[in-house]
Amino acid sequence: MLFGITIIWIVSSIIFLFTYHTHGEFGDMFGSINTLFSGLAFGGIIYTIYQQRAEFKLQREELKLQREEVAKTNQEMQA
């Protein structure tokens, strides 16, 4: 997806380079691309938070199972 966006950005910059008459208009073209990358970065942060949440849930379950095993081991040792 990032590769496709980069290709579109390069092609559009080459096409629009010859249609804009001033450098300011050419520079303004990249505002929308900046917004797109900012949105992708925000989406990446949301995805990372979701992944970490799932990982922490699995870690809590594993620690619970480990505590149960230690308790069973202690009971066997006492017996």
Protein backbone atom coordinates (compact mmCIF):
# COMPACT_ATOMS: atom_id res chain seq x y z
CA MET A 1 0.00 0.00 0.00
CA LEU A 2 2.82 2.37 0.89
CA PHE A 3 4.56 1.50 -2.38
CA GLY A 4 1.40 2.28 -4.34
CA ILE A 5 0.96 5.62 -2.59
CA THR A 6 4.56 6.51 -3.29
CA ILE A 7 4.18 5.68 -6.99
CA ILE A 8 1.00 7.77 -7.25
CA TRP A 9 2.73 10.65 -5.47
CA ILE A 10 5.74 10.56 -7.80
CA VAL A 11 3.62 10.30 -10.95
CA SER A 12 1.29 13.10 -9.86
CA SER A 13 4.22 15.35 -8.97
CA ILE A 14 5.76 14.81 -12.41
CA ILE A 15 2.44 15.51 -14.16
CA PHE A 16 1.60 18.57 -12.09
CA LEU A 17 5.13 19.93 -12.31
CA PHE A 18 4.47 21.01 -15.87
CA THR A 19 0.95 22.38 -15.24
CA TYR A 20 1.69 24.76 -12.36
CA HIS A 21 3.19 28.11 -13.21
CA THR A 22 4.60 29.12 -9.83
CA HIS A 23 6.53 27.24 -7.23
CA GLY A 24 3.94 28.10 -4.57
CA GLU A 25 1.18 26.33 -6.46
CA PHE A 26 3.43 23.32 -6.91
CA GLY A 27 4.26 23.24 -3.20
CA ASP A 28 0.59 23.52 -2.25
CA MET A 29 -0.03 20.27 -4.12
CA PHE A 30 1.76 18.33 -1.39
CA GLY A 31 -0.64 19.45 1.35
CA SER A 32 -3.08 16.70 0.49
CA ILE A 33 -0.29 14.12 0.43
CA ASN A 34 0.80 15.31 3.88
CA THR A 35 -2.74 14.80 5.14
CA LEU A 36 -2.81 11.31 3.67
CA PHE A 37 0.43 10.28 5.36
CA SER A 38 -0.71 11.81 8.65
CA GLY A 39 -3.88 9.73 8.44
CA LEU A 40 -1.89 6.59 7.71
CA ALA A 41 0.39 7.29 10.68
CA PHE A 42 -2.62 7.77 12.96
CA GLY A 43 -4.12 4.52 11.69
CA GLY A 44 -0.81 2.79 12.42
CA ILE A 45 -0.86 4.07 15.98
CA ILE A 46 -4.42 2.82 16.50
CA TYR A 47 -3.44 -0.60 15.09
CA THR A 48 -0.40 -0.75 17.36
CA ILE A 49 -2.51 0.04 20.43
CA TYR A 50 -4.97 -2.69 19.44
CA GLN A 51 -2.15 -5.22 19.02
CA GLN A 52 -0.60 -4.31 22.37
CA ARG A 53 -3.96 -4.65 24.08
CA ALA A 54 -4.38 -8.15 22.68
CA GLU A 55 -0.83 -9.07 23.71
CA PHE A 56 -1.39 -7.82 27.27
CA LYS A 57 -4.59 -9.87 27.50
CA LEU A 58 -2.70 -13.02 26.51
CA GLN A 59 0.07 -12.19 28.96
CA ARG A 60 -2.43 -11.81 31.83
CA GLU A 61 -3.97 -15.18 30.99
CA GLU A 62 -0.54 -16.82 30.90
CA LEU A 63 0.41 -15.33 34.26
CA LYS A 64 -2.87 -16.58 35.75
CA LEU A 65 -2.12 -20.11 34.52
CA GLN A 66 1.41 -19.87 35.87
CA ARG A 67 0.15 -18.82 39.32
CA GLU A 68 -2.26 -21.78 39.33
CA GLU A 69 0.56 -24.17 38.45
CA VAL A 70 2.76 -22.76 41.22
CA ALA A 71 -0.10 -23.17 43.70
CA LYS A 72 -0.59 -26.80 42.61
CA THR A 73 3.14 -27.44 42.88
CA ASN A 74 3.19 -25.98 46.41
CA GLN A 75 0.28 -28.21 47.43
CA GLU A 76 2.05 -31.29 46.08
CA MET A 77 5.26 -30.33 47.86
CA GLN A 78 3.39 -29.96 51.16
CA ALA A 79 1.70 -33.34 50.69
